[in-house]
Structures are given as C-alpha cells and as structure tokens.
Amino acid sequence: MRVIGYIEHPSLKISVFKMDEKYVVKFESGFYEQIFKFKADEYINGLEAVQRVIDAEFISSVERSLPAMHQLRMQALSRLLPPVQENEFDKLW
C-alpha cells in the first residue's frame, strides 16, 4: 500500500492510498480513524477521481460519526477502569 495523495481539510487528516486494485481513504482525528475502500475501475481510477467521491457531504458524514466513536471508546474504558471516587478526604466542617 502506498500513499498517492491527501485531501485537504482543516480538522481531519485525509490520506489516499493505492493498494492492489483498491483505493483506500483514511480519515484521522486524534485517537480515531475511519477507513473506506473503493474498487479501482473506470470511474475511480486515480487521486482526482477519489477526491470527487470524497466530497463535502461525505466528509461531513465522517465528522458526524466521530462523537459516536468517542462515546464507544469511553464506554469501553469505563468498564475497564475503576470508578472515580468523589471525595477521598474527610470533611473539615
């Protein structure tokens, strides 16, 4: 898999890769990644074609899914980590 380009965005890193007969688009934001694969064919045949597919509506949908990914991660961590104690000190008054 090799990087063939990037799609500019102010808050996401969007990388485009070529792998065998597929184009792979990876969206990165902090701890989260989403990957989409597209079969290389007569319609999707290079970076410019991938950039047309990954339009503003597509990117907006990816951005809207990030809070759900964060919530899922936090729920998983909360099941693993011990509960936080409210106050471990004696009350002074």
PDB file of N, CA and C in Angstrom:
ATOM      1  N   MET A   1       0.860  -1.167   0.000  1.00  0.00           N
ATOM      2  CA  MET A   1       0.000   0.000   0.000  1.00  0.00           C
ATOM      3  C   MET A   1       0.908   1.231   0.000  1.00  0.00           C
ATOM      4  N   ARG A   2       0.606   2.162  -0.877  1.00  0.00           N
ATOM      5  CA  ARG A   2       1.426   3.371  -0.945  1.00  0.00           C
ATOM      6  C   ARG A   2       0.540   4.613  -0.969  1.00  0.00           C
ATOM      7  N   VAL A   3       1.023   5.672  -0.378  1.00  0.00           N
ATOM      8  CA  VAL A   3       0.297   6.945  -0.355  1.00  0.00           C
ATOM      9  C   VAL A   3       0.352   7.554  -1.748  1.00  0.00           C
ATOM     10  N   ILE A   4      -0.827   7.937  -2.259  1.00  0.00           N
ATOM     11  CA  ILE A   4      -0.842   8.629  -3.552  1.00  0.00           C
ATOM     12  C   ILE A   4      -1.246  10.093  -3.403  1.00  0.00           C
ATOM     13  N   GLY A   5      -1.712  10.476  -2.209  1.00  0.00           N
ATOM     14  CA  GLY A   5      -2.053  11.877  -2.009  1.00  0.00           C
ATOM     15  C   GLY A   5      -2.866  12.104  -0.755  1.00  0.00           C
ATOM     16  N   TYR A   6      -3.246  13.359  -0.593  1.00  0.00           N
ATOM     17  CA  TYR A   6      -4.018  13.788   0.570  1.00  0.00           C
ATOM     18  C   TYR A   6      -5.167  14.663   0.103  1.00  0.00           C
ATOM     19  N   ILE A   7      -6.190  14.727   0.920  1.00  0.00           N
ATOM     20  CA  ILE A   7      -7.306  15.636   0.677  1.00  0.00           C
ATOM     21  C   ILE A   7      -7.262  16.659   1.801  1.00  0.00           C
ATOM     22  N   GLU A   8      -7.154  17.922   1.437  1.00  0.00           N
ATOM     23  CA  GLU A   8      -7.033  18.983   2.433  1.00  0.00           C
ATOM     24  C   GLU A   8      -8.327  19.135   3.228  1.00  0.00           C
ATOM     25  N   HIS A   9      -8.172  19.301   4.549  1.00  0.00           N
ATOM     26  CA  HIS A   9      -9.307  19.544   5.441  1.00  0.00           C
ATOM     27  C   HIS A   9      -8.767  20.212   6.695  1.00  0.00           C
ATOM     28  N   PRO A  10      -9.513  21.167   7.278  1.00  0.00           N
ATOM     29  CA  PRO A  10      -8.992  21.898   8.436  1.00  0.00           C
ATOM     30  C   PRO A  10      -8.862  21.077   9.717  1.00  0.00           C
ATOM     31  N   SER A  11      -9.678  20.046   9.909  1.00  0.00           N
ATOM     32  CA  SER A  11      -9.624  19.315  11.178  1.00  0.00           C
ATOM     33  C   SER A  11      -9.357  17.817  11.045  1.00  0.00           C
ATOM     34  N   LEU A  12      -9.401  17.287   9.841  1.00  0.00           N
ATOM     35  CA  LEU A  12      -9.147  15.867   9.626  1.00  0.00           C
ATOM     36  C   LEU A  12      -7.904  15.699   8.758  1.00  0.00           C
ATOM     37  N   LYS A  13      -7.163  14.641   9.020  1.00  0.00           N
ATOM     38  CA  LYS A  13      -6.108  14.251   8.086  1.00  0.00           C
ATOM     39  C   LYS A  13      -6.726  13.188   7.191  1.00  0.00           C
ATOM     40  N   ILE A  14      -6.751  13.446   5.896  1.00  0.00           N
ATOM     41  CA  ILE A  14      -7.364  12.526   4.943  1.00  0.00           C
ATOM     42  C   ILE A  14      -6.275  12.070   3.974  1.00  0.00           C
ATOM     43  N   SER A  15      -5.937  10.791   4.062  1.00  0.00           N
ATOM     44  CA  SER A  15      -4.883  10.209   3.230  1.00  0.00           C
ATOM     45  C   SER A  15      -5.506   9.262   2.219  1.00  0.00           C
ATOM     46  N   VAL A  16      -4.943   9.238   1.022  1.00  0.00           N
ATOM     47  CA  VAL A  16      -5.417   8.345  -0.034  1.00  0.00           C
ATOM     48  C   VAL A  16      -4.271   7.403  -0.400  1.00  0.00           C
ATOM     49  N   PHE A  17      -4.584   6.109  -0.407  1.00  0.00           N
ATOM     50  CA  PHE A  17      -3.598   5.071  -0.693  1.00  0.00           C
ATOM     51  C   PHE A  17      -4.049   4.260  -1.897  1.00  0.00           C
ATOM     52  N   LYS A  18      -3.092   3.647  -2.570  1.00  0.00           N
ATOM     53  CA  LYS A  18      -3.372   2.678  -3.640  1.00  0.00           C
ATOM     54  C   LYS A  18      -2.867   1.337  -3.151  1.00  0.00           C
ATOM     55  N   MET A  19      -3.751   0.340  -3.174  1.00  0.00           N
ATOM     56  CA  MET A  19      -3.385  -0.999  -2.715  1.00  0.00           C
ATOM     57  C   MET A  19      -4.008  -2.008  -3.672  1.00  0.00           C
ATOM     58  N   ASP A  20      -3.185  -2.724  -4.393  1.00  0.00           N
ATOM     59  CA  ASP A  20      -3.657  -3.700  -5.378  1.00  0.00           C
ATOM     60  C   ASP A  20      -4.669  -3.029  -6.299  1.00  0.00           C
ATOM     61  N   GLU A  21      -5.871  -3.528  -6.336  1.00  0.00           N
ATOM     62  CA  GLU A  21      -6.915  -2.965  -7.202  1.00  0.00           C
ATOM     63  C   GLU A  21      -7.920  -2.139  -6.410  1.00  0.00           C
ATOM     64  N   LYS A  22      -7.432  -1.489  -5.338  1.00  0.00           N
ATOM     65  CA  LYS A  22      -8.307  -0.679  -4.491  1.00  0.00           C
ATOM     66  C   LYS A  22      -7.655   0.661  -4.190  1.00  0.00           C
ATOM     67  N   TYR A  23      -8.520   1.632  -3.925  1.00  0.00           N
ATOM     68  CA  TYR A  23      -8.094   2.895  -3.342  1.00  0.00           C
ATOM     69  C   TYR A  23      -8.608   2.901  -1.913  1.00  0.00           C
ATOM     70  N   VAL A  24      -7.751   3.282  -0.994  1.00  0.00           N
ATOM     71  CA  VAL A  24      -8.089   3.307   0.421  1.00  0.00           C
ATOM     72  C   VAL A  24      -8.021   4.758   0.878  1.00  0.00           C
ATOM     73  N   VAL A  25      -9.102   5.215   1.519  1.00  0.00           N
ATOM     74  CA  VAL A  25      -9.149   6.575   2.042  1.00  0.00           C
ATOM     75  C   VAL A  25      -9.225   6.483   3.560  1.00  0.00           C
ATOM     76  N   LYS A  26      -8.247   7.102   4.230  1.00  0.00           N
ATOM     77  CA  LYS A  26      -8.189   7.044   5.691  1.00  0.00           C
ATOM     78  C   LYS A  26      -8.407   8.442   6.262  1.00  0.00           C
ATOM     79  N   PHE A  27      -9.397   8.540   7.155  1.00  0.00           N
ATOM     80  CA  PHE A  27      -9.698   9.769   7.874  1.00  0.00           C
ATOM     81  C   PHE A  27      -9.136   9.624   9.284  1.00  0.00           C
ATOM     82  N   GLU A  28      -8.377  10.607   9.741  1.00  0.00           N
ATOM     83  CA  GLU A  28      -7.791  10.553  11.082  1.00  0.00           C
ATOM     84  C   GLU A  28      -8.157  11.814  11.856  1.00  0.00           C
ATOM     85  N   SER A  29      -8.537  11.585  13.126  1.00  0.00           N
ATOM     86  CA  SER A  29      -8.821  12.689  14.041  1.00  0.00           C
ATOM     87  C   SER A  29      -8.478  12.224  15.449  1.00  0.00           C
ATOM     88  N   GLY A  30      -7.371  12.690  15.981  1.00  0.00           N
ATOM     89  CA  GLY A  30      -6.979  12.290  17.330  1.00  0.00           C
ATOM     90  C   GLY A  30      -6.769  10.791  17.430  1.00  0.00           C
ATOM     91  N   PHE A  31      -7.506  10.154  18.356  1.00  0.00           N
ATOM     92  CA  PHE A  31      -7.389   8.713  18.578  1.00  0.00           C
ATOM     93  C   PHE A  31      -8.203   7.890  17.580  1.00  0.00           C
ATOM     94  N   TYR A  32      -8.894   8.531  16.660  1.00  0.00           N
ATOM     95  CA  TYR A  32      -9.875   7.827  15.838  1.00  0.00           C
ATOM     96  C   TYR A  32      -9.483   7.835  14.366  1.00  0.00           C
ATOM     97  N   GLU A  33      -9.794   6.709  13.721  1.00  0.00           N
ATOM     98  CA  GLU A  33      -9.575   6.563  12.280  1.00  0.00           C
ATOM     99  C   GLU A  33     -10.788   5.891  11.663  1.00  0.00           C
ATOM    100  N   GLN A  34     -11.106   6.298  10.452  1.00  0.00           N
ATOM    101  CA  GLN A  34     -12.094   5.583   9.647  1.00  0.00           C
ATOM    102  C   GLN A  34     -11.457   5.327   8.293  1.00  0.00           C
ATOM    103  N   ILE A  35     -11.692   4.131   7.784  1.00  0.00           N
ATOM    104  CA  ILE A  35     -11.102   3.747   6.504  1.00  0.00           C
ATOM    105  C   ILE A  35     -12.207   3.285   5.565  1.00  0.00           C
ATOM    106  N   PHE A  36     -12.140   3.771   4.341  1.00  0.00           N
ATOM    107  CA  PHE A  36     -13.075   3.363   3.295  1.00  0.00           C
ATOM    108  C   PHE A  36     -12.260   2.849   2.118  1.00  0.00           C
ATOM    109  N   LYS A  37     -12.740   1.766   1.519  1.00  0.00           N
ATOM    110  CA  LYS A  37     -12.062   1.179   0.363  1.00  0.00           C
ATOM    111  C   LYS A  37     -12.976   1.275  -0.848  1.00  0.00           C
ATOM    112  N   PHE A  38     -12.373   1.592  -1.976  1.00  0.00           N
ATOM    113  CA  PHE A  38     -13.095   1.702  -3.234  1.00  0.00           C
ATOM    114  C   PHE A  38     -12.374   0.865  -4.279  1.00  0.00           C
ATOM    115  N   LYS A  39     -13.125   0.072  -5.002  1.00  0.00           N
ATOM    116  CA  LYS A  39     -12.544  -0.741  -6.065  1.00  0.00           C
ATOM    117  C   LYS A  39     -12.088   0.168  -7.205  1.00  0.00           C
ATOM    118  N   ALA A  40     -10.893  -0.070  -7.681  1.00  0.00           N
ATOM    119  CA  ALA A  40     -10.392   0.673  -8.834  1.00  0.00           C
ATOM    120  C   ALA A  40     -11.122   0.182 -10.076  1.00  0.00           C
ATOM    121  N   ASP A  41     -11.726   1.103 -10.801  1.00  0.00           N
ATOM    122  CA  ASP A  41     -12.426   0.758 -12.039  1.00  0.00           C
ATOM    123  C   ASP A  41     -12.376   1.956 -12.978  1.00  0.00           C
ATOM    124  N   GLU A  42     -13.203   1.952 -14.012  1.00  0.00           N
ATOM    125  CA  GLU A  42     -13.150   3.051 -14.979  1.00  0.00           C
ATOM    126  C   GLU A  42     -13.648   4.370 -14.397  1.00  0.00           C
ATOM    127  N   TYR A  43     -14.384   4.325 -13.280  1.00  0.00           N
ATOM    128  CA  TYR A  43     -14.901   5.544 -12.654  1.00  0.00           C
ATOM    129  C   TYR A  43     -13.968   6.071 -11.564  1.00  0.00           C
ATOM    130  N   ILE A  44     -13.391   5.166 -10.819  1.00  0.00           N
ATOM    131  CA  ILE A  44     -12.446   5.544  -9.769  1.00  0.00           C
ATOM    132  C   ILE A  44     -11.086   5.008 -10.202  1.00  0.00           C
ATOM    133  N   ASN A  45     -10.311   5.907 -10.829  1.00  0.00           N
ATOM    134  CA  ASN A  45      -9.065   5.461 -11.456  1.00  0.00           C
ATOM    135  C   ASN A  45      -7.880   6.374 -11.157  1.00  0.00           C
ATOM    136  N   GLY A  46      -7.924   7.035 -10.018  1.00  0.00           N
ATOM    137  CA  GLY A  46      -6.803   7.891  -9.645  1.00  0.00           C
ATOM    138  C   GLY A  46      -7.187   8.831  -8.521  1.00  0.00           C
ATOM    139  N   LEU A  47      -6.225   9.613  -8.083  1.00  0.00           N
ATOM    140  CA  LEU A  47      -6.439  10.529  -6.967  1.00  0.00           C
ATOM    141  C   LEU A  47      -7.563  11.519  -7.244  1.00  0.00           C
ATOM    142  N   GLU A  48      -7.604  12.076  -8.435  1.00  0.00           N
ATOM    143  CA  GLU A  48      -8.634  13.064  -8.754  1.00  0.00           C
ATOM    144  C   GLU A  48     -10.030  12.459  -8.662  1.00  0.00           C
ATOM    145  N   ALA A  49     -10.188  11.232  -9.108  1.00  0.00           N
ATOM    146  CA  ALA A  49     -11.491  10.560  -9.030  1.00  0.00           C
ATOM    147  C   ALA A  49     -11.869  10.293  -7.582  1.00  0.00           C
ATOM    148  N   VAL A  50     -10.911   9.880  -6.777  1.00  0.00           N
ATOM    149  CA  VAL A  50     -11.182   9.652  -5.353  1.00  0.00           C
ATOM    150  C   VAL A  50     -11.589  10.965  -4.694  1.00  0.00           C
ATOM    151  N   GLN A  51     -10.919  12.051  -5.040  1.00  0.00           N
ATOM    152  CA  GLN A  51     -11.259  13.357  -4.469  1.00  0.00           C
ATOM    153  C   GLN A  51     -12.679  13.772  -4.839  1.00  0.00           C
ATOM    154  N   ARG A  52     -13.155  13.391  -6.003  1.00  0.00           N
ATOM    155  CA  ARG A  52     -14.542  13.699  -6.387  1.00  0.00           C
ATOM    156  C   ARG A  52     -15.532  12.887  -5.563  1.00  0.00           C
ATOM    157  N   VAL A  53     -15.180  11.644  -5.247  1.00  0.00           N
ATOM    158  CA  VAL A  53     -16.058  10.795  -4.426  1.00  0.00           C
ATOM    159  C   VAL A  53     -16.106  11.318  -2.995  1.00  0.00           C
ATOM    160  N   ILE A  54     -14.958  11.710  -2.477  1.00  0.00           N
ATOM    161  CA  ILE A  54     -14.863  12.190  -1.098  1.00  0.00           C
ATOM    162  C   ILE A  54     -15.189  13.686  -1.111  1.00  0.00           C
ATOM    163  N   ASP A  55     -16.461  13.979  -1.293  1.00  0.00           N
ATOM    164  CA  ASP A  55     -16.915  15.363  -1.380  1.00  0.00           C
ATOM    165  C   ASP A  55     -17.288  15.898   0.007  1.00  0.00           C
ATOM    166  N   ALA A  56     -17.777  17.125   0.054  1.00  0.00           N
ATOM    167  CA  ALA A  56     -18.118  17.772   1.328  1.00  0.00           C
ATOM    168  C   ALA A  56     -19.173  16.985   2.095  1.00  0.00           C
ATOM    169  N   GLU A  57     -20.139  16.426   1.408  1.00  0.00           N
ATOM    170  CA  GLU A  57     -21.185  15.642   2.072  1.00  0.00           C
ATOM    171  C   GLU A  57     -20.599  14.379   2.714  1.00  0.00           C
ATOM    172  N   PHE A  58     -19.713  13.706   2.016  1.00  0.00           N
ATOM    173  CA  PHE A  58     -19.066  12.503   2.549  1.00  0.00           C
ATOM    174  C   PHE A  58     -18.254  12.860   3.794  1.00  0.00           C
ATOM    175  N   ILE A  59     -17.452  13.917   3.696  1.00  0.00           N
ATOM    176  CA  ILE A  59     -16.613  14.333   4.823  1.00  0.00           C
ATOM    177  C   ILE A  59     -17.471  14.742   6.009  1.00  0.00           C
ATOM    178  N   SER A  60     -18.550  15.443   5.761  1.00  0.00           N
ATOM    179  CA  SER A  60     -19.458  15.849   6.837  1.00  0.00           C
ATOM    180  C   SER A  60     -20.035  14.634   7.558  1.00  0.00           C
ATOM    181  N   SER A  61     -20.367  13.598   6.822  1.00  0.00           N
ATOM    182  CA  SER A  61     -20.879  12.365   7.435  1.00  0.00           C
ATOM    183  C   SER A  61     -19.820  11.708   8.318  1.00  0.00           C
ATOM    184  N   VAL A  62     -18.587  11.714   7.859  1.00  0.00           N
ATOM    185  CA  VAL A  62     -17.498  11.159   8.669  1.00  0.00           C
ATOM    186  C   VAL A  62     -17.359  11.972   9.956  1.00  0.00           C
ATOM    187  N   GLU A  63     -17.382  13.293   9.849  1.00  0.00           N
ATOM    188  CA  GLU A  63     -17.260  14.145  11.038  1.00  0.00           C
ATOM    189  C   GLU A  63     -18.388  13.892  12.034  1.00  0.00           C
ATOM    190  N   ARG A  64     -19.593  13.678  11.538  1.00  0.00           N
ATOM    191  CA  ARG A  64     -20.733  13.422  12.433  1.00  0.00           C
ATOM    192  C   ARG A  64     -20.610  12.082  13.146  1.00  0.00           C
ATOM    193  N   SER A  65     -19.858  11.156  12.596  1.00  0.00           N
ATOM    194  CA  SER A  65     -19.714   9.845  13.235  1.00  0.00           C
ATOM    195  C   SER A  65     -18.642   9.827  14.328  1.00  0.00           C
ATOM    196  N   LEU A  66     -17.786  10.814  14.373  1.00  0.00           N
ATOM    197  CA  LEU A  66     -16.692  10.824  15.343  1.00  0.00           C
ATOM    198  C   LEU A  66     -17.168  10.859  16.795  1.00  0.00           C
ATOM    199  N   PRO A  67     -18.192  11.647  17.159  1.00  0.00           N
ATOM    200  CA  PRO A  67     -18.657  11.610  18.552  1.00  0.00           C
ATOM    201  C   PRO A  67     -19.136  10.223  18.982  1.00  0.00           C
ATOM    202  N   ALA A  68     -19.771   9.486  18.102  1.00  0.00           N
ATOM    203  CA  ALA A  68     -20.217   8.121  18.438  1.00  0.00           C
ATOM    204  C   ALA A  68     -19.012   7.215  18.670  1.00  0.00           C
ATOM    205  N   MET A  69     -17.965   7.388  17.880  1.00  0.00           N
ATOM    206  CA  MET A  69     -16.747   6.599  18.081  1.00  0.00           C
ATOM    207  C   MET A  69     -16.125   6.936  19.432  1.00  0.00           C
ATOM    208  N   HIS A  70     -16.108   8.217  19.772  1.00  0.00           N
ATOM    209  CA  HIS A  70     -15.555   8.645  21.058  1.00  0.00           C
ATOM    210  C   HIS A  70     -16.372   8.057  22.211  1.00  0.00           C
ATOM    211  N   GLN A  71     -17.679   8.125  22.095  1.00  0.00           N
ATOM    212  CA  GLN A  71     -18.548   7.588  23.145  1.00  0.00           C
ATOM    213  C   GLN A  71     -18.317   6.088  23.324  1.00  0.00           C
ATOM    214  N   LEU A  72     -18.216   5.358  22.246  1.00  0.00           N
ATOM    215  CA  LEU A  72     -17.964   3.920  22.305  1.00  0.00           C
ATOM    216  C   LEU A  72     -16.639   3.625  23.008  1.00  0.00           C
ATOM    217  N   ARG A  73     -15.614   4.387  22.678  1.00  0.00           N
ATOM    218  CA  ARG A  73     -14.303   4.211  23.311  1.00  0.00           C
ATOM    219  C   ARG A  73     -14.378   4.501  24.804  1.00  0.00           C
ATOM    220  N   MET A  74     -15.039   5.599  25.168  1.00  0.00           N
ATOM    221  CA  MET A  74     -15.135   5.971  26.581  1.00  0.00           C
ATOM    222  C   MET A  74     -15.935   4.940  27.375  1.00  0.00           C
ATOM    223  N   GLN A  75     -16.995   4.400  26.792  1.00  0.00           N
ATOM    224  CA  GLN A  75     -17.779   3.361  27.467  1.00  0.00           C
ATOM    225  C   GLN A  75     -16.924   2.118  27.705  1.00  0.00           C
ATOM    226  N   ALA A  76     -16.146   1.733  26.718  1.00  0.00           N
ATOM    227  CA  ALA A  76     -15.281   0.559  26.864  1.00  0.00           C
ATOM    228  C   ALA A  76     -14.243   0.792  27.961  1.00  0.00           C
ATOM    229  N   LEU A  77     -13.658   1.974  27.984  1.00  0.00           N
ATOM    230  CA  LEU A  77     -12.671   2.284  29.018  1.00  0.00           C
ATOM    231  C   LEU A  77     -13.308   2.321  30.404  1.00  0.00           C
ATOM    232  N   SER A  78     -14.521   2.838  30.504  1.00  0.00           N
ATOM    233  CA  SER A  78     -15.175   2.924  31.817  1.00  0.00           C
ATOM    234  C   SER A  78     -15.477   1.537  32.380  1.00  0.00           C
ATOM    235  N   ARG A  79     -15.679   0.549  31.527  1.00  0.00           N
ATOM    236  CA  ARG A  79     -15.899  -0.814  32.006  1.00  0.00           C
ATOM    237  C   ARG A  79     -14.604  -1.433  32.532  1.00  0.00           C
ATOM    238  N   LEU A  80     -13.495  -0.959  32.054  1.00  0.00           N
ATOM    239  CA  LEU A  80     -12.195  -1.499  32.435  1.00  0.00           C
ATOM    240  C   LEU A  80     -11.608  -0.806  33.663  1.00  0.00           C
ATOM    241  N   LEU A  81     -11.756   0.506  33.727  1.00  0.00           N
ATOM    242  CA  LEU A  81     -11.116   1.292  34.777  1.00  0.00           C
ATOM    243  C   LEU A  81     -11.968   1.334  36.035  1.00  0.00           C
ATOM    244  N   PRO A  82     -11.341   1.467  37.209  1.00  0.00           N
ATOM    245  CA  PRO A  82     -12.126   1.558  38.446  1.00  0.00           C
ATOM    246  C   PRO A  82     -12.892   2.882  38.492  1.00  0.00           C
ATOM    247  N   PRO A  83     -14.027   2.906  39.212  1.00  0.00           N
ATOM    248  CA  PRO A  83     -14.798   4.153  39.297  1.00  0.00           C
ATOM    249  C   PRO A  83     -14.005   5.236  40.040  1.00  0.00           C
ATOM    250  N   VAL A  84     -14.233   6.467  39.661  1.00  0.00           N
ATOM    251  CA  VAL A  84     -13.560   7.603  40.283  1.00  0.00           C
ATOM    252  C   VAL A  84     -14.268   7.932  41.588  1.00  0.00           C
ATOM    253  N   GLN A  85     -13.499   8.084  42.661  1.00  0.00           N
ATOM    254  CA  GLN A  85     -14.057   8.453  43.962  1.00  0.00           C
ATOM    255  C   GLN A  85     -14.355   9.946  43.960  1.00  0.00           C
ATOM    256  N   GLU A  86     -15.536  10.301  44.457  1.00  0.00           N
ATOM    257  CA  GLU A  86     -15.932  11.704  44.510  1.00  0.00           C
ATOM    258  C   GLU A  86     -14.998  12.505  45.400  1.00  0.00           C
ATOM    259  N   ASN A  87     -14.819  12.038  46.659  1.00  0.00           N
ATOM    260  CA  ASN A  87     -14.028  12.803  47.604  1.00  0.00           C
ATOM    261  C   ASN A  87     -13.344  11.828  48.549  1.00  0.00           C
ATOM    262  N   GLU A  88     -12.044  11.792  48.511  1.00  0.00           N
ATOM    263  CA  GLU A  88     -11.303  10.868  49.352  1.00  0.00           C
ATOM    264  C   GLU A  88     -10.859  11.504  50.662  1.00  0.00           C
ATOM    265  N   PHE A  89     -11.175  12.774  50.885  1.00  0.00           N
ATOM    266  CA  PHE A  89     -10.742  13.474  52.082  1.00  0.00           C
ATOM    267  C   PHE A  89     -11.895  13.603  53.065  1.00  0.00           C
ATOM    268  N   ASP A  90     -11.558  13.668  54.351  1.00  0.00           N
ATOM    269  CA  ASP A  90     -12.568  13.893  55.378  1.00  0.00           C
ATOM    270  C   ASP A  90     -13.104  15.312  55.257  1.00  0.00           C
ATOM    271  N   LYS A  91     -14.369  15.448  55.591  1.00  0.00           N
ATOM    272  CA  LYS A  91     -14.979  16.768  55.588  1.00  0.00           C
ATOM    273  C   LYS A  91     -14.485  17.526  56.814  1.00  0.00           C
ATOM    274  N   LEU A  92     -14.003  18.753  56.629  1.00  0.00           N
ATOM    275  CA  LEU A  92     -13.398  19.524  57.709  1.00  0.00           C
ATOM    276  C   LEU A  92     -14.406  20.379  58.468  1.00  0.00           C
ATOM    277  N   TRP A  93     -15.522  20.674  57.949  1.00  0.00           N
ATOM    278  CA  TRP A  93     -16.517  21.496  58.652  1.00  0.00           C
ATOM    279  C   TRP A  93     -17.870  20.913  58.563  1.00  0.00           C
TER     280      TRP A  93
END
